[in-house]
């Protein structure tokens, strides 16, 4: 009994600390309880074995996986370079999915100057309502880049549909390489209704170690009570903001945002994903 009382007091104060940091955008570590998957079972996964992408599980998110044609993301303006999706930036090697950000100087006729990247999703192949979603990954070394693992819905941006039917759940976004918050990630929620865009940001969750050189896990448990986000299996926030109850598909993305300051380390800034796993309550 004393241990249970101590645990409750401990996690009560941990919750206060986490809420304070989130409210005032103070960098924080994942210090909450470990994820508990009691009663859950693995229902879907990709371990990225072999030497090619499993097309029965993934399609291009913007990226055309069936053509060498480039898909424009945005044009060159306001001091930044153009960006394109290219299937050349999707590779499976050594048990990992590699989504790359690369640069072209425009010297090759088929490759106009700008940034090249790729993203994937399971839209139209597999979607989920509730569960625990986790990926194990190394993040890209890209200034103004964004490596991300998230859930989305076909109705997420439709203002005529109640937000409960689906929204954007950003389990992990890595947008801080090269700035003062390098080594941290965000988890965000976005939805749209008749009054416009609503969002909740949790910025600067510090990943212990070096997330650009080491594998770490990023997850969310989504159920009827809300969302609980995790880094390396430890809780970093929970909320019922924008709580969805409709189907969502998985997205893995890596791209260069349209900021004036854009650069990568080496020839390729890689988002390296070891696995994606989905657990749901056993029936």
Protein backbone atom coordinates (compact mmCIF):
# COMPACT_ATOMS: atom_id res chain seq x y z
CA UNK A 1 0.00 0.00 0.00
CA UNK A 2 2.74 2.58 0.83
CA UNK A 3 4.32 2.02 -2.59
CA UNK A 4 1.02 2.68 -4.33
CA UNK A 5 0.50 5.89 -2.34
CA UNK A 6 4.05 7.01 -3.11
CA UNK A 7 3.53 6.31 -6.82
CA UNK A 8 0.35 8.35 -6.89
CA UNK A 9 2.02 11.30 -5.15
CA UNK A 10 5.07 11.02 -7.43
CA UNK A 11 3.06 11.01 -10.65
CA UNK A 12 0.80 13.79 -9.35
CA UNK A 13 3.81 16.10 -9.03
CA UNK A 14 5.29 14.85 -12.30
CA UNK A 15 2.00 15.79 -13.98
CA UNK A 16 2.19 19.30 -12.50
CA UNK A 17 5.76 19.76 -13.76
CA UNK A 18 4.86 18.51 -17.24
CA UNK A 19 1.78 20.74 -17.45
CA UNK A 20 3.81 23.78 -16.37
CA UNK A 21 6.51 23.14 -18.98
CA UNK A 22 3.93 22.63 -21.72
CA UNK A 23 1.98 25.75 -20.77
CA UNK A 24 5.06 27.99 -20.90
CA UNK A 25 6.97 26.28 -23.74
CA UNK A 26 9.79 25.23 -21.42
CA UNK A 27 12.03 22.43 -22.75
CA UNK A 28 11.36 19.21 -20.90
CA UNK A 29 12.33 15.54 -20.85
CA UNK A 30 9.87 12.66 -21.05
CA UNK A 31 9.57 12.00 -17.32
CA UNK A 32 6.10 10.48 -16.98
CA UNK A 33 4.99 6.87 -16.50
CA UNK A 34 6.12 4.15 -18.89
CA UNK A 35 3.69 3.04 -21.56
CA UNK A 36 1.47 0.20 -20.36
CA UNK A 37 0.30 -2.15 -23.11
CA UNK A 38 -1.45 -4.63 -20.84
CA UNK A 39 -4.37 -6.03 -22.81
CA UNK A 40 -3.03 -4.77 -26.15
CA UNK A 41 -1.89 -6.91 -29.06
CA UNK A 42 0.18 -6.18 -32.17
CA UNK A 43 -2.24 -5.74 -35.10
CA UNK A 44 -0.05 -4.17 -37.81
CA UNK A 45 3.64 -3.55 -38.33
CA UNK A 46 6.43 -3.10 -40.81
CA UNK A 47 9.98 -4.05 -39.81
CA UNK A 48 11.35 -2.98 -43.24
CA UNK A 49 13.14 -6.24 -43.95
CA UNK A 50 14.37 -7.00 -47.46
CA UNK A 51 15.58 -4.51 -50.03
CA UNK A 52 12.37 -2.85 -51.25
CA UNK A 53 9.34 -1.08 -49.88
CA UNK A 54 6.31 -3.26 -49.16
CA UNK A 55 3.74 -1.69 -51.47
CA UNK A 56 0.95 -3.68 -49.85
CA UNK A 57 1.48 -1.51 -46.76
CA UNK A 58 2.59 1.88 -48.09
CA UNK A 59 1.80 4.39 -50.82
CA UNK A 60 3.38 7.71 -51.66
CA UNK A 61 2.31 10.67 -49.53
CA UNK A 62 2.65 13.27 -52.26
CA UNK A 63 5.48 11.16 -53.66
CA UNK A 64 4.71 9.30 -56.91
CA UNK A 65 6.16 5.84 -56.31
CA UNK A 66 5.27 4.68 -59.85
CA UNK A 67 7.07 7.37 -61.82
CA UNK A 68 10.38 9.20 -62.02
CA UNK A 69 8.42 12.42 -62.45
CA UNK A 70 8.99 15.02 -59.75
CA UNK A 71 6.06 16.23 -57.68
CA UNK A 72 6.42 19.94 -56.74
CA UNK A 73 5.92 20.81 -53.06
CA UNK A 74 6.56 24.55 -53.37
CA UNK A 75 8.37 26.94 -55.68
CA UNK A 76 11.47 29.05 -55.18
CA UNK A 77 10.52 32.37 -53.60
CA UNK A 78 11.13 34.60 -50.60
CA UNK A 79 14.73 33.49 -50.31
CA UNK A 80 14.27 29.72 -50.25
CA UNK A 81 14.78 27.10 -52.96
CA UNK A 82 12.09 24.99 -54.61
CA UNK A 83 11.22 21.57 -53.19
CA UNK A 84 10.06 18.35 -54.85
CA UNK A 85 8.98 14.85 -53.92
CA UNK A 86 10.96 12.12 -55.68
CA UNK A 87 10.73 8.34 -55.41
CA UNK A 88 14.55 8.24 -55.57
CA UNK A 89 14.46 9.43 -51.96
CA UNK A 90 12.71 6.25 -50.75
CA UNK A 91 14.95 3.26 -49.97
CA UNK A 92 14.86 0.12 -47.83
CA UNK A 93 18.26 -1.13 -46.70
CA UNK A 94 19.72 -3.14 -43.82
CA UNK A 95 16.33 -3.55 -42.15
CA UNK A 96 15.49 0.15 -42.27
CA UNK A 97 13.31 2.50 -44.28
CA UNK A 98 15.32 5.53 -45.40
CA UNK A 99 13.49 8.72 -46.41
CA UNK A 100 16.10 11.19 -47.65
CA UNK A 101 16.39 14.93 -48.17
CA UNK A 102 18.85 15.72 -50.96
CA UNK A 103 19.88 18.78 -52.92
CA UNK A 104 20.32 19.40 -56.63
CA UNK A 105 22.34 22.31 -57.97
CA UNK A 106 20.44 22.13 -61.26
CA UNK A 107 23.39 20.92 -63.33
CA UNK A 108 21.43 17.86 -64.52
CA UNK A 109 18.58 18.68 -66.95
CA UNK A 110 16.17 16.23 -65.32
CA UNK A 111 16.89 17.60 -61.84
CA UNK A 112 16.07 21.29 -61.44
CA UNK A 113 17.79 23.13 -58.62
CA UNK A 114 16.21 22.62 -55.24
CA UNK A 115 15.43 20.14 -52.48
CA UNK A 116 14.29 16.55 -53.02
CA UNK A 117 12.57 14.32 -50.48
CA UNK A 118 9.89 11.66 -50.00
CA UNK A 119 7.00 10.74 -47.72
CA UNK A 120 4.74 7.69 -47.32
CA UNK A 121 1.33 6.89 -45.89
CA UNK A 122 -1.16 4.04 -45.53
CA UNK A 123 -4.16 6.00 -46.85
CA UNK A 124 -6.52 3.67 -48.73
CA UNK A 125 -4.55 0.64 -47.57
CA UNK A 126 -4.94 0.56 -43.79
CA UNK A 127 -6.42 2.87 -41.20
CA UNK A 128 -7.06 2.59 -37.49
CA UNK A 129 -9.39 3.88 -34.80
CA UNK A 130 -7.62 3.96 -31.43
CA UNK A 131 -4.50 2.07 -30.42
CA UNK A 132 -0.85 2.56 -29.54
CA UNK A 133 1.32 3.68 -32.45
CA UNK A 134 5.11 3.59 -32.27
CA UNK A 135 8.10 4.02 -34.55
CA UNK A 136 11.79 3.58 -33.83
CA UNK A 137 13.90 6.01 -35.81
CA UNK A 138 16.90 8.27 -36.28
CA UNK A 139 16.10 11.85 -37.30
CA UNK A 140 17.42 13.78 -40.29
CA UNK A 141 20.23 16.32 -39.93
CA UNK A 142 18.49 19.04 -41.89
CA UNK A 143 18.27 22.72 -40.99
CA UNK A 144 14.63 23.65 -41.76
CA UNK A 145 13.87 19.97 -42.32
CA UNK A 146 11.04 18.02 -40.73
CA UNK A 147 11.19 14.30 -40.01
CA UNK A 148 7.75 13.27 -38.78
CA UNK A 149 5.59 10.33 -37.71
CA UNK A 150 1.91 11.16 -37.60
CA UNK A 151 -1.70 10.13 -38.12
CA UNK A 152 -4.12 11.81 -40.48
CA UNK A 153 -7.67 11.53 -41.73
CA UNK A 154 -9.25 12.14 -45.11
CA UNK A 155 -11.63 14.61 -43.43
CA UNK A 156 -9.04 16.32 -41.21
CA UNK A 157 -9.16 19.62 -43.11
CA UNK A 158 -12.83 19.58 -44.09
CA UNK A 159 -14.54 22.34 -42.11
CA UNK A 160 -17.98 20.91 -42.89
CA UNK A 161 -17.22 17.69 -40.98
CA UNK A 162 -17.17 17.50 -37.16
CA UNK A 163 -13.56 17.32 -35.99
CA UNK A 164 -14.36 14.15 -34.01
CA UNK A 165 -14.49 12.28 -37.32
CA UNK A 166 -10.77 12.82 -37.91
CA UNK A 167 -7.89 15.22 -37.44
CA UNK A 168 -4.11 15.50 -37.69
CA UNK A 169 -2.24 13.86 -34.82
CA UNK A 170 1.51 14.61 -34.96
CA UNK A 171 3.08 11.90 -32.84
CA UNK A 172 6.56 13.28 -33.46
CA UNK A 173 7.93 16.15 -35.51
CA UNK A 174 11.64 16.95 -35.65
CA UNK A 175 12.09 20.58 -36.70
CA UNK A 176 14.89 21.81 -34.45
CA UNK A 177 18.11 20.59 -36.03
CA UNK A 178 20.62 23.44 -36.19
CA UNK A 179 18.85 25.74 -33.74
CA UNK A 180 18.92 26.30 -29.98
CA UNK A 181 16.46 23.44 -29.37
CA UNK A 182 18.38 20.83 -31.34
CA UNK A 183 17.79 17.36 -29.94
CA UNK A 184 14.14 17.97 -29.12
CA UNK A 185 10.91 17.01 -30.86
CA UNK A 186 7.31 18.20 -30.89
CA UNK A 187 3.92 16.52 -30.72
CA UNK A 188 1.01 18.50 -32.11
CA UNK A 189 -2.70 18.21 -32.83
CA UNK A 190 -4.54 20.10 -35.59
CA UNK A 191 -8.18 20.20 -36.55
CA UNK A 192 -10.45 22.45 -38.58
CA UNK A 193 -14.05 23.37 -37.92
CA UNK A 194 -16.47 26.07 -39.03
CA UNK A 195 -14.52 28.67 -37.05
CA UNK A 196 -11.16 27.82 -38.60
CA UNK A 197 -7.90 26.11 -37.67
CA UNK A 198 -7.44 24.90 -34.09
CA UNK A 199 -4.18 23.47 -32.82
CA UNK A 200 -2.30 22.40 -29.72
CA UNK A 201 1.51 22.41 -29.72
CA UNK A 202 3.89 20.64 -27.35
CA UNK A 203 7.31 21.86 -28.34
CA UNK A 204 10.82 21.01 -27.25
CA UNK A 205 10.44 17.59 -25.72
CA UNK A 206 14.11 16.76 -25.17
CA UNK A 207 15.28 13.35 -26.40
CA UNK A 208 17.97 11.93 -24.11
CA UNK A 209 21.09 11.13 -26.11
CA UNK A 210 21.55 12.05 -29.78
CA UNK A 211 18.38 11.40 -31.82
CA UNK A 212 20.22 12.12 -35.09
CA UNK A 213 22.81 9.38 -34.51
CA UNK A 214 20.86 6.94 -32.32
CA UNK A 215 17.54 5.15 -32.62
CA UNK A 216 14.79 6.30 -30.27
CA UNK A 217 11.10 5.43 -30.05
CA UNK A 218 8.18 7.83 -30.47
CA UNK A 219 4.61 6.83 -29.74
CA UNK A 220 1.07 7.81 -28.89
CA UNK A 221 -1.68 5.90 -27.11
CA UNK A 222 -5.04 7.08 -28.46
CA UNK A 223 -8.24 5.94 -26.81
CA UNK A 224 -11.67 7.24 -25.87
CA UNK A 225 -10.19 9.37 -23.08
CA UNK A 226 -7.55 11.20 -25.13
CA UNK A 227 -3.99 11.06 -26.41
CA UNK A 228 -0.89 10.17 -24.41
CA UNK A 229 2.44 10.85 -26.14
CA UNK A 230 5.68 9.01 -25.40
CA UNK A 231 9.39 9.32 -26.12
CA UNK A 232 11.44 6.18 -25.47
CA UNK A 233 8.41 4.64 -23.80
CA UNK A 234 8.01 7.43 -21.22
CA UNK A 235 5.05 9.79 -21.17
CA UNK A 236 5.73 13.37 -22.22
CA UNK A 237 2.15 14.67 -22.36
CA UNK A 238 -1.51 13.75 -22.39
CA UNK A 239 -4.54 15.66 -23.59
CA UNK A 240 -8.09 15.27 -24.84
CA UNK A 241 -7.80 18.29 -27.13
CA UNK A 242 -9.40 17.64 -30.53
CA UNK A 243 -10.19 14.06 -29.58
CA UNK A 244 -11.04 12.09 -32.71
CA UNK A 245 -13.12 8.92 -32.88
CA UNK A 246 -12.87 8.20 -36.60
CA UNK A 247 -10.34 6.25 -38.69
CA UNK A 248 -6.81 7.59 -39.20
CA UNK A 249 -3.98 6.47 -41.47
CA UNK A 250 -0.23 6.49 -40.74
CA UNK A 251 2.20 8.97 -42.30
CA UNK A 252 6.01 8.96 -42.35
CA UNK A 253 7.38 12.16 -43.84
CA UNK A 254 10.69 13.92 -44.39
CA UNK A 255 10.90 17.19 -46.26
CA UNK A 256 12.51 20.63 -46.34
CA UNK A 257 10.29 23.44 -45.09
CA UNK A 258 10.17 26.71 -47.01
CA UNK A 259 12.46 28.67 -44.71
CA UNK A 260 15.24 30.95 -45.95
CA UNK A 261 17.84 29.02 -43.97
CA UNK A 262 18.04 25.54 -45.49
CA UNK A 263 20.93 23.09 -45.35
CA UNK A 264 21.80 19.45 -44.72
CA UNK A 265 24.81 17.63 -43.31
CA UNK A 266 26.53 15.67 -46.06
CA UNK A 267 24.90 14.64 -49.33
CA UNK A 268 21.72 13.24 -47.77
CA UNK A 269 19.73 14.02 -44.61
CA UNK A 270 18.07 10.72 -43.78
CA UNK A 271 15.05 9.88 -41.65
CA UNK A 272 15.91 6.26 -40.84
CA UNK A 273 12.99 4.18 -39.56
CA UNK A 274 13.67 0.79 -37.99
CA UNK A 275 10.00 -0.15 -37.54
CA UNK A 276 6.42 1.03 -37.27
CA UNK A 277 4.09 -0.94 -34.97
CA UNK A 278 0.42 -0.61 -34.08
CA UNK A 279 -1.16 -2.22 -31.02
CA UNK A 280 -4.85 -2.32 -30.19
CA UNK A 281 -6.88 -3.73 -27.32
CA UNK A 282 -7.44 -7.44 -27.79
CA UNK A 283 -10.98 -8.32 -28.74
